[in-house]
N, C-alpha and C. Protein backbone atom coordinates (compact mmCIF):
# COMPACT_ATOMS: atom_id res chain seq x y z
N MET A 1 0.83 -1.17 0.00
CA MET A 1 0.00 0.00 0.00
C MET A 1 0.89 1.25 0.00
N ARG A 2 0.54 2.19 -0.83
CA ARG A 2 1.30 3.43 -0.92
C ARG A 2 0.79 4.45 0.08
N ALA A 3 1.72 5.13 0.68
CA ALA A 3 1.34 6.21 1.60
C ALA A 3 1.05 7.46 0.79
N ARG A 4 0.06 8.19 1.21
CA ARG A 4 -0.24 9.45 0.53
C ARG A 4 0.72 10.52 1.01
N ARG A 5 1.13 11.35 0.09
CA ARG A 5 2.00 12.47 0.45
C ARG A 5 1.17 13.54 1.12
N ARG A 6 1.62 13.99 2.25
CA ARG A 6 0.92 15.02 3.00
C ARG A 6 1.76 16.29 3.00
N PHE A 7 1.10 17.40 2.81
CA PHE A 7 1.78 18.68 2.84
C PHE A 7 1.71 19.23 4.25
N ASN A 8 2.81 19.76 4.71
CA ASN A 8 2.88 20.35 6.04
C ASN A 8 2.74 21.86 5.92
N LEU A 9 1.55 22.30 5.60
CA LEU A 9 1.30 23.72 5.43
C LEU A 9 0.38 24.20 6.54
N SER A 10 0.67 25.36 7.08
CA SER A 10 -0.24 25.95 8.06
C SER A 10 -1.52 26.35 7.33
N SER A 11 -2.55 26.70 8.06
CA SER A 11 -3.79 27.12 7.41
C SER A 11 -3.56 28.39 6.58
N ALA A 12 -2.67 29.28 7.05
CA ALA A 12 -2.35 30.48 6.28
C ALA A 12 -1.65 30.11 4.98
N ASP A 13 -0.72 29.16 5.05
CA ASP A 13 -0.02 28.72 3.83
C ASP A 13 -0.99 28.04 2.87
N GLY A 14 -1.95 27.30 3.42
CA GLY A 14 -2.96 26.66 2.57
C GLY A 14 -3.79 27.70 1.83
N ALA A 15 -4.12 28.80 2.52
CA ALA A 15 -4.87 29.88 1.88
C ALA A 15 -4.02 30.52 0.78
N LEU A 16 -2.72 30.72 1.04
CA LEU A 16 -1.83 31.27 0.01
C LEU A 16 -1.80 30.35 -1.19
N ARG A 17 -1.71 29.06 -0.94
CA ARG A 17 -1.65 28.07 -2.02
C ARG A 17 -2.90 28.14 -2.91
N ARG A 18 -4.05 28.41 -2.28
CA ARG A 18 -5.31 28.48 -3.03
C ARG A 18 -5.52 29.82 -3.72
N GLU A 19 -5.06 30.92 -3.08
CA GLU A 19 -5.41 32.26 -3.55
C GLU A 19 -4.37 32.95 -4.42
N LEU A 20 -3.09 32.59 -4.25
CA LEU A 20 -2.06 33.26 -5.05
C LEU A 20 -1.82 32.53 -6.36
N PRO A 21 -1.54 33.28 -7.42
CA PRO A 21 -1.34 32.63 -8.73
C PRO A 21 0.02 31.93 -8.83
N TYR A 22 -0.01 30.73 -9.37
CA TYR A 22 1.20 29.97 -9.68
C TYR A 22 1.59 30.23 -11.13
N GLY A 23 0.58 30.51 -11.95
CA GLY A 23 0.84 30.75 -13.36
C GLY A 23 -0.39 31.30 -14.06
N VAL A 24 -0.27 31.39 -15.39
CA VAL A 24 -1.37 31.91 -16.20
C VAL A 24 -1.55 31.00 -17.42
N TRP A 25 -2.80 30.68 -17.69
CA TRP A 25 -3.16 29.98 -18.92
C TRP A 25 -3.68 31.02 -19.90
N THR A 26 -3.29 30.91 -21.15
CA THR A 26 -3.81 31.76 -22.20
C THR A 26 -4.60 30.88 -23.15
N THR A 27 -5.82 31.28 -23.46
CA THR A 27 -6.68 30.49 -24.34
C THR A 27 -6.40 30.84 -25.80
N ALA A 28 -6.93 30.03 -26.70
CA ALA A 28 -6.74 30.28 -28.13
C ALA A 28 -7.34 31.63 -28.53
N GLY A 29 -8.38 32.07 -27.83
CA GLY A 29 -9.01 33.36 -28.13
C GLY A 29 -8.35 34.55 -27.46
N GLY A 30 -7.27 34.32 -26.71
CA GLY A 30 -6.55 35.41 -26.07
C GLY A 30 -6.95 35.69 -24.64
N GLY A 31 -7.93 34.96 -24.11
CA GLY A 31 -8.32 35.13 -22.71
C GLY A 31 -7.21 34.62 -21.80
N GLN A 32 -7.21 35.09 -20.57
CA GLN A 32 -6.20 34.66 -19.60
C GLN A 32 -6.89 34.19 -18.33
N ILE A 33 -6.33 33.13 -17.74
CA ILE A 33 -6.84 32.56 -16.51
C ILE A 33 -5.66 32.37 -15.56
N LEU A 34 -5.72 33.01 -14.39
CA LEU A 34 -4.71 32.76 -13.36
C LEU A 34 -5.07 31.44 -12.68
N PHE A 35 -4.06 30.60 -12.44
CA PHE A 35 -4.30 29.35 -11.73
C PHE A 35 -3.36 29.26 -10.54
N ASN A 36 -3.80 28.52 -9.52
CA ASN A 36 -3.02 28.41 -8.29
C ASN A 36 -2.08 27.21 -8.33
N ARG A 37 -1.39 26.96 -7.24
CA ARG A 37 -0.38 25.89 -7.17
C ARG A 37 -0.99 24.50 -7.34
N ASP A 38 -2.30 24.40 -7.11
CA ASP A 38 -3.00 23.14 -7.31
C ASP A 38 -3.55 23.03 -8.74
N TYR A 39 -3.18 23.95 -9.60
CA TYR A 39 -3.64 24.02 -10.99
C TYR A 39 -5.16 24.19 -11.08
N SER A 40 -5.72 24.90 -10.12
CA SER A 40 -7.15 25.24 -10.14
C SER A 40 -7.27 26.69 -10.58
N PRO A 41 -8.22 26.99 -11.46
CA PRO A 41 -8.39 28.38 -11.90
C PRO A 41 -8.88 29.26 -10.75
N ILE A 42 -8.41 30.52 -10.72
CA ILE A 42 -8.85 31.43 -9.66
C ILE A 42 -9.42 32.74 -10.22
N TRP A 43 -8.85 33.28 -11.28
CA TRP A 43 -9.34 34.51 -11.91
C TRP A 43 -9.32 34.34 -13.43
N GLN A 44 -10.27 34.98 -14.10
CA GLN A 44 -10.36 34.90 -15.56
C GLN A 44 -10.65 36.29 -16.12
N ARG A 45 -10.07 36.57 -17.29
CA ARG A 45 -10.42 37.81 -18.00
C ARG A 45 -10.27 37.56 -19.50
N SER A 46 -11.08 38.28 -20.26
CA SER A 46 -10.95 38.25 -21.72
C SER A 46 -10.56 39.65 -22.16
N ALA A 47 -10.28 39.79 -23.44
CA ALA A 47 -9.81 41.08 -23.94
C ALA A 47 -10.82 42.20 -23.70
N ASN A 48 -12.11 41.87 -23.75
CA ASN A 48 -13.14 42.91 -23.68
C ASN A 48 -13.95 42.89 -22.39
N ALA A 49 -13.50 42.17 -21.37
CA ALA A 49 -14.30 42.06 -20.15
C ALA A 49 -13.42 42.21 -18.91
N ALA A 50 -14.04 42.58 -17.82
CA ALA A 50 -13.34 42.72 -16.55
C ALA A 50 -12.98 41.34 -16.00
N ALA A 51 -12.00 41.29 -15.13
CA ALA A 51 -11.60 40.04 -14.49
C ALA A 51 -12.70 39.60 -13.52
N ILE A 52 -12.94 38.29 -13.49
CA ILE A 52 -13.94 37.72 -12.57
C ILE A 52 -13.34 36.50 -11.90
N ARG A 53 -13.85 36.19 -10.70
CA ARG A 53 -13.47 34.94 -10.03
C ARG A 53 -14.05 33.80 -10.84
N ILE A 54 -13.34 32.70 -10.85
CA ILE A 54 -13.78 31.54 -11.60
C ILE A 54 -13.80 30.33 -10.66
N ALA A 55 -14.77 29.47 -10.83
CA ALA A 55 -14.90 28.30 -9.97
C ALA A 55 -13.69 27.38 -10.11
N ALA A 56 -13.17 26.91 -8.99
CA ALA A 56 -11.97 26.08 -8.98
C ALA A 56 -12.15 24.76 -9.71
N TRP A 57 -13.37 24.28 -9.82
CA TRP A 57 -13.63 23.00 -10.48
C TRP A 57 -13.76 23.14 -12.00
N ARG A 58 -13.83 24.37 -12.50
CA ARG A 58 -14.09 24.60 -13.93
C ARG A 58 -12.93 24.13 -14.80
N TRP A 59 -13.25 23.45 -15.89
CA TRP A 59 -12.24 22.98 -16.85
C TRP A 59 -11.83 24.14 -17.75
N VAL A 60 -10.53 24.28 -17.99
CA VAL A 60 -10.02 25.36 -18.84
C VAL A 60 -9.27 24.73 -20.01
N ASP A 61 -9.68 25.08 -21.22
CA ASP A 61 -9.01 24.61 -22.43
C ASP A 61 -8.00 25.69 -22.83
N TRP A 62 -6.76 25.53 -22.38
CA TRP A 62 -5.75 26.55 -22.60
C TRP A 62 -4.83 26.18 -23.77
N ALA A 63 -4.24 27.20 -24.36
CA ALA A 63 -3.31 27.01 -25.47
C ALA A 63 -1.86 27.23 -25.04
N GLN A 64 -1.65 28.03 -24.00
CA GLN A 64 -0.30 28.33 -23.51
C GLN A 64 -0.34 28.40 -21.98
N GLN A 65 0.74 27.92 -21.36
CA GLN A 65 0.85 27.91 -19.89
C GLN A 65 2.19 28.51 -19.48
N ASN A 66 2.16 29.49 -18.58
CA ASN A 66 3.38 30.13 -18.08
C ASN A 66 3.32 30.21 -16.57
N TYR A 67 4.51 30.23 -15.94
CA TYR A 67 4.60 30.19 -14.48
C TYR A 67 5.22 31.46 -13.93
N PHE A 68 4.90 31.77 -12.65
CA PHE A 68 5.43 32.93 -11.96
C PHE A 68 6.51 32.58 -10.95
N PHE A 69 6.60 31.33 -10.52
CA PHE A 69 7.62 30.92 -9.55
C PHE A 69 7.84 29.42 -9.61
N ASP A 70 8.91 28.97 -8.97
CA ASP A 70 9.23 27.55 -8.82
C ASP A 70 9.13 27.20 -7.34
N ASP A 71 9.36 25.94 -7.02
CA ASP A 71 9.32 25.52 -5.63
C ASP A 71 10.41 26.19 -4.80
N ASP A 72 11.53 26.56 -5.42
CA ASP A 72 12.62 27.17 -4.65
C ASP A 72 12.33 28.60 -4.24
N ASN A 73 11.37 29.27 -4.88
CA ASN A 73 11.03 30.64 -4.49
C ASN A 73 9.51 30.79 -4.33
N ALA A 74 8.87 29.74 -3.82
CA ALA A 74 7.42 29.75 -3.63
C ALA A 74 7.02 30.80 -2.59
N PRO A 75 5.85 31.41 -2.76
CA PRO A 75 5.43 32.48 -1.84
C PRO A 75 5.17 31.99 -0.41
N PHE A 76 5.10 30.69 -0.21
CA PHE A 76 4.85 30.15 1.13
C PHE A 76 6.07 30.33 2.02
N HIS A 77 7.26 30.53 1.43
CA HIS A 77 8.48 30.72 2.22
C HIS A 77 9.38 31.82 1.66
N ASP A 78 8.89 32.60 0.70
CA ASP A 78 9.68 33.67 0.10
C ASP A 78 8.82 34.93 0.05
N GLY A 79 9.13 35.89 0.91
CA GLY A 79 8.33 37.10 1.02
C GLY A 79 8.28 37.93 -0.26
N ALA A 80 9.39 37.98 -1.00
CA ALA A 80 9.41 38.76 -2.25
C ALA A 80 8.44 38.17 -3.27
N THR A 81 8.41 36.85 -3.37
CA THR A 81 7.50 36.19 -4.31
C THR A 81 6.05 36.41 -3.87
N LYS A 82 5.80 36.39 -2.58
CA LYS A 82 4.44 36.63 -2.07
C LYS A 82 3.95 38.01 -2.51
N LYS A 83 4.83 39.03 -2.39
CA LYS A 83 4.46 40.38 -2.80
C LYS A 83 4.21 40.45 -4.31
N ILE A 84 5.07 39.77 -5.07
CA ILE A 84 4.90 39.77 -6.53
C ILE A 84 3.59 39.12 -6.92
N CYS A 85 3.26 38.00 -6.29
CA CYS A 85 2.00 37.30 -6.61
C CYS A 85 0.80 38.18 -6.28
N ALA A 86 0.86 38.90 -5.16
CA ALA A 86 -0.24 39.82 -4.82
C ALA A 86 -0.34 40.93 -5.86
N ARG A 87 0.81 41.41 -6.33
CA ARG A 87 0.82 42.46 -7.36
C ARG A 87 0.25 41.92 -8.68
N ILE A 88 0.56 40.66 -9.00
CA ILE A 88 0.02 40.04 -10.22
C ILE A 88 -1.50 40.04 -10.18
N VAL A 89 -2.08 39.62 -9.05
CA VAL A 89 -3.54 39.59 -8.93
C VAL A 89 -4.11 41.00 -9.08
N ALA A 90 -3.50 41.97 -8.41
CA ALA A 90 -3.98 43.36 -8.50
C ALA A 90 -3.91 43.87 -9.94
N ASP A 91 -2.79 43.62 -10.61
CA ASP A 91 -2.65 44.06 -12.01
C ASP A 91 -3.64 43.33 -12.91
N PHE A 92 -3.84 42.05 -12.67
CA PHE A 92 -4.77 41.25 -13.48
C PHE A 92 -6.18 41.81 -13.35
N ILE A 93 -6.62 42.08 -12.11
CA ILE A 93 -7.96 42.61 -11.88
C ILE A 93 -8.11 43.99 -12.50
N ALA A 94 -7.04 44.79 -12.45
CA ALA A 94 -7.07 46.15 -13.01
C ALA A 94 -6.99 46.15 -14.54
N GLY A 95 -6.81 44.98 -15.14
CA GLY A 95 -6.74 44.91 -16.61
C GLY A 95 -5.37 45.22 -17.17
N LYS A 96 -4.36 45.28 -16.31
CA LYS A 96 -2.99 45.58 -16.75
C LYS A 96 -2.32 44.31 -17.28
N PRO A 97 -1.31 44.46 -18.14
CA PRO A 97 -0.57 43.28 -18.62
C PRO A 97 0.20 42.61 -17.49
N ILE A 98 0.34 41.29 -17.58
CA ILE A 98 1.08 40.53 -16.56
C ILE A 98 2.22 39.71 -17.18
N ASP A 99 2.44 39.87 -18.47
CA ASP A 99 3.48 39.09 -19.15
C ASP A 99 4.86 39.29 -18.54
N GLN A 100 5.16 40.50 -18.07
CA GLN A 100 6.49 40.77 -17.53
C GLN A 100 6.81 39.88 -16.34
N TYR A 101 5.80 39.43 -15.61
CA TYR A 101 6.05 38.61 -14.43
C TYR A 101 6.52 37.21 -14.81
N TRP A 102 5.80 36.58 -15.74
CA TRP A 102 6.26 35.24 -16.13
C TRP A 102 7.52 35.31 -16.99
N ARG A 103 7.69 36.41 -17.71
CA ARG A 103 8.92 36.56 -18.49
C ARG A 103 10.13 36.68 -17.57
N ALA A 104 9.99 37.38 -16.44
CA ALA A 104 11.08 37.49 -15.46
C ALA A 104 11.41 36.11 -14.91
N HIS A 105 10.40 35.33 -14.63
CA HIS A 105 10.63 33.97 -14.11
C HIS A 105 11.33 33.11 -15.15
N GLU A 106 10.88 33.18 -16.40
CA GLU A 106 11.50 32.39 -17.48
C GLU A 106 12.95 32.79 -17.67
N THR A 107 13.25 34.10 -17.58
CA THR A 107 14.63 34.56 -17.71
C THR A 107 15.50 33.96 -16.62
N ARG A 108 14.99 33.98 -15.40
CA ARG A 108 15.72 33.40 -14.27
C ARG A 108 16.00 31.92 -14.51
N ARG A 109 14.99 31.18 -14.93
CA ARG A 109 15.15 29.74 -15.17
C ARG A 109 16.16 29.48 -16.30
N ARG A 110 16.06 30.26 -17.38
CA ARG A 110 16.96 30.08 -18.52
C ARG A 110 18.41 30.36 -18.11
N GLN A 111 18.63 31.43 -17.37
CA GLN A 111 19.99 31.77 -16.93
C GLN A 111 20.55 30.68 -16.02
N HIS A 112 19.72 30.15 -15.18
CA HIS A 112 20.15 29.08 -14.28
C HIS A 112 20.58 27.85 -15.08
N ARG A 113 19.76 27.46 -16.07
CA ARG A 113 20.10 26.29 -16.91
C ARG A 113 21.39 26.52 -17.69
N GLU A 114 21.57 27.75 -18.23
CA GLU A 114 22.78 28.05 -18.99
C GLU A 114 24.02 27.98 -18.11
N GLN A 115 23.92 28.48 -16.89
CA GLN A 115 25.06 28.44 -15.98
C GLN A 115 25.42 27.01 -15.59
N ILE A 116 24.43 26.18 -15.46
CA ILE A 116 24.70 24.77 -15.13
C ILE A 116 25.35 24.07 -16.33
N LYS A 117 24.90 24.40 -17.56
CA LYS A 117 25.50 23.79 -18.76
C LYS A 117 26.98 24.15 -18.88
N MET A 118 27.33 25.38 -18.47
CA MET A 118 28.73 25.80 -18.56
C MET A 118 29.61 25.00 -17.61
N ASN A 119 29.04 24.39 -16.62
CA ASN A 119 29.78 23.59 -15.66
C ASN A 119 29.08 22.24 -15.52
N PRO A 120 29.34 21.31 -16.46
CA PRO A 120 28.58 20.06 -16.52
C PRO A 120 28.71 19.19 -15.27
N ASP A 121 29.79 19.30 -14.52
CA ASP A 121 29.90 18.47 -13.32
C ASP A 121 29.09 19.05 -12.16
N ASN A 122 28.44 20.20 -12.40
CA ASN A 122 27.57 20.85 -11.41
C ASN A 122 28.27 21.16 -10.09
N GLN A 123 29.57 21.28 -10.15
CA GLN A 123 30.35 21.58 -8.96
C GLN A 123 29.94 22.92 -8.35
N PHE A 124 29.56 23.88 -9.20
CA PHE A 124 29.19 25.20 -8.71
C PHE A 124 27.69 25.45 -8.89
N HIS A 125 26.91 24.39 -8.81
CA HIS A 125 25.47 24.48 -9.00
C HIS A 125 24.85 25.52 -8.07
N HIS A 126 25.23 25.52 -6.80
CA HIS A 126 24.65 26.46 -5.84
C HIS A 126 25.01 27.90 -6.17
N LEU A 127 26.19 28.13 -6.77
CA LEU A 127 26.58 29.50 -7.16
C LEU A 127 25.73 29.99 -8.33
N ALA A 128 25.46 29.12 -9.29
CA ALA A 128 24.61 29.47 -10.43
C ALA A 128 23.20 29.78 -9.94
N GLU A 129 22.71 28.97 -9.03
CA GLU A 129 21.37 29.19 -8.46
C GLU A 129 21.31 30.54 -7.76
N GLU A 130 22.31 30.86 -6.98
CA GLU A 130 22.34 32.12 -6.23
C GLU A 130 22.41 33.32 -7.19
N ALA A 131 23.22 33.23 -8.23
CA ALA A 131 23.33 34.34 -9.20
C ALA A 131 21.99 34.56 -9.91
N ALA A 132 21.34 33.49 -10.30
CA ALA A 132 20.04 33.60 -10.98
C ALA A 132 19.01 34.19 -10.02
N ARG A 133 19.02 33.77 -8.77
CA ARG A 133 18.08 34.28 -7.78
C ARG A 133 18.30 35.78 -7.56
N GLU A 134 19.55 36.21 -7.47
CA GLU A 134 19.84 37.64 -7.27
C GLU A 134 19.33 38.47 -8.43
N GLU A 135 19.54 37.98 -9.65
CA GLU A 135 19.07 38.73 -10.81
C GLU A 135 17.54 38.79 -10.82
N PHE A 136 16.90 37.68 -10.51
CA PHE A 136 15.44 37.64 -10.45
C PHE A 136 14.93 38.64 -9.41
N GLU A 137 15.58 38.69 -8.25
CA GLU A 137 15.16 39.61 -7.19
C GLU A 137 15.31 41.06 -7.62
N LYS A 138 16.35 41.37 -8.38
CA LYS A 138 16.54 42.74 -8.87
C LYS A 138 15.45 43.11 -9.87
N ILE A 139 15.14 42.18 -10.79
CA ILE A 139 14.06 42.43 -11.76
C ILE A 139 12.74 42.58 -11.02
N SER A 140 12.53 41.75 -10.01
CA SER A 140 11.31 41.83 -9.20
C SER A 140 11.19 43.18 -8.51
N ARG A 141 12.30 43.71 -8.00
CA ARG A 141 12.28 45.02 -7.35
C ARG A 141 11.88 46.11 -8.34
N LEU A 142 12.38 46.00 -9.57
CA LEU A 142 11.99 46.98 -10.60
C LEU A 142 10.49 46.92 -10.85
N ILE A 143 9.95 45.70 -10.97
CA ILE A 143 8.52 45.52 -11.23
C ILE A 143 7.70 46.04 -10.06
N GLU A 144 8.08 45.67 -8.84
CA GLU A 144 7.36 46.10 -7.64
C GLU A 144 7.33 47.62 -7.52
N ALA A 145 8.42 48.28 -7.90
CA ALA A 145 8.51 49.73 -7.79
C ALA A 145 7.79 50.44 -8.94
N GLY A 146 7.27 49.69 -9.89
CA GLY A 146 6.52 50.29 -11.00
C GLY A 146 7.37 50.64 -12.21
N TYR A 147 8.61 50.19 -12.24
CA TYR A 147 9.50 50.48 -13.37
C TYR A 147 9.45 49.35 -14.38
N LEU A 148 8.28 49.16 -14.98
CA LEU A 148 8.09 48.06 -15.92
C LEU A 148 8.93 48.25 -17.18
N ASP A 149 9.15 49.52 -17.57
CA ASP A 149 9.95 49.77 -18.77
C ASP A 149 11.37 49.24 -18.60
N LEU A 150 11.98 49.48 -17.43
CA LEU A 150 13.33 48.97 -17.17
C LEU A 150 13.34 47.45 -17.11
N ALA A 151 12.35 46.87 -16.42
CA ALA A 151 12.28 45.41 -16.32
C ALA A 151 12.16 44.79 -17.70
N GLU A 152 11.34 45.36 -18.55
CA GLU A 152 11.17 44.81 -19.90
C GLU A 152 12.45 44.96 -20.73
N GLN A 153 13.19 46.05 -20.56
CA GLN A 153 14.46 46.21 -21.29
C GLN A 153 15.45 45.13 -20.87
N VAL A 154 15.47 44.79 -19.58
CA VAL A 154 16.35 43.71 -19.11
C VAL A 154 15.89 42.39 -19.70
N LEU A 155 14.60 42.12 -19.64
CA LEU A 155 14.07 40.85 -20.15
C LEU A 155 14.28 40.71 -21.66
N ASP A 156 14.23 41.83 -22.37
CA ASP A 156 14.45 41.80 -23.82
C ASP A 156 15.92 41.78 -24.19
N GLY A 157 16.82 41.90 -23.20
CA GLY A 157 18.25 41.86 -23.46
C GLY A 157 18.82 43.18 -23.95
N GLU A 158 18.02 44.26 -23.86
CA GLU A 158 18.48 45.57 -24.32
C GLU A 158 19.51 46.17 -23.36
N ILE A 159 19.34 45.93 -22.06
CA ILE A 159 20.30 46.38 -21.05
C ILE A 159 20.49 45.25 -20.04
N ASP A 160 21.62 45.27 -19.33
CA ASP A 160 21.81 44.25 -18.31
C ASP A 160 21.20 44.72 -17.00
N VAL A 161 21.03 43.80 -16.07
CA VAL A 161 20.33 44.13 -14.83
C VAL A 161 21.11 45.14 -13.98
N GLN A 162 22.45 45.13 -14.04
CA GLN A 162 23.23 46.11 -13.26
C GLN A 162 22.96 47.53 -13.76
N THR A 163 22.92 47.71 -15.09
CA THR A 163 22.63 49.02 -15.66
C THR A 163 21.23 49.47 -15.27
N ALA A 164 20.27 48.56 -15.32
CA ALA A 164 18.90 48.90 -14.94
C ALA A 164 18.82 49.34 -13.48
N MET A 165 19.57 48.66 -12.62
CA MET A 165 19.55 49.02 -11.21
C MET A 165 20.20 50.39 -10.98
N GLN A 166 21.22 50.75 -11.79
CA GLN A 166 21.83 52.07 -11.67
C GLN A 166 20.84 53.15 -12.10
N ILE A 167 20.12 52.89 -13.19
CA ILE A 167 19.10 53.84 -13.65
C ILE A 167 18.00 53.94 -12.60
N PHE A 168 17.56 52.81 -12.09
CA PHE A 168 16.51 52.74 -11.06
C PHE A 168 16.91 53.56 -9.83
N GLY A 169 18.17 53.46 -9.43
CA GLY A 169 18.65 54.20 -8.27
C GLY A 169 18.61 55.70 -8.45
N GLY A 170 18.69 56.17 -9.69
CA GLY A 170 18.70 57.60 -9.96
C GLY A 170 17.35 58.19 -10.30
N ARG A 171 16.30 57.37 -10.39
CA ARG A 171 14.98 57.84 -10.77
C ARG A 171 14.11 58.15 -9.56
N ARG A 172 13.14 58.99 -9.81
CA ARG A 172 12.09 59.22 -8.80
C ARG A 172 10.97 58.22 -9.08
N ARG A 173 10.18 57.95 -8.06
CA ARG A 173 9.07 57.02 -8.22
C ARG A 173 8.09 57.53 -9.27
N PRO A 174 7.53 56.63 -10.10
CA PRO A 174 6.56 57.07 -11.12
C PRO A 174 5.27 57.60 -10.51
């Protein structure tokens, strides 16, 4: 007999798991659905309609799936990710774009994989992980502060994250 895996989450962590977005599904028609860590839909919006809560049991026929975090930076134990996830929900409800959030996560994951490939024996695996995490945190700070233009320039490869942080340091809040 197999034992069932049990999660050791407090009731607050369970609420975070249900309410914060783990990723976004995009439908063939361009609609977007935020889903939680259990892959249950939580919010839905289409191009011409306001965001609405969606029943967790509802089936979603999605065409594309993107993520906002991994297990190593989950909002249940990472305060920065928790703030970003709350900002994603607020932006989603307000009808603002949210692509920059999953793009920042994808950039972090890609950089981490590239750094591991450069060192196939994975001797410095933890160093590559730390460098990718630091860059992700800097991009996240830009997004949280409302500097989406700088974050997008970094994600598009137009400027490096150090240059963006120097510009960010010299700007006034938007």
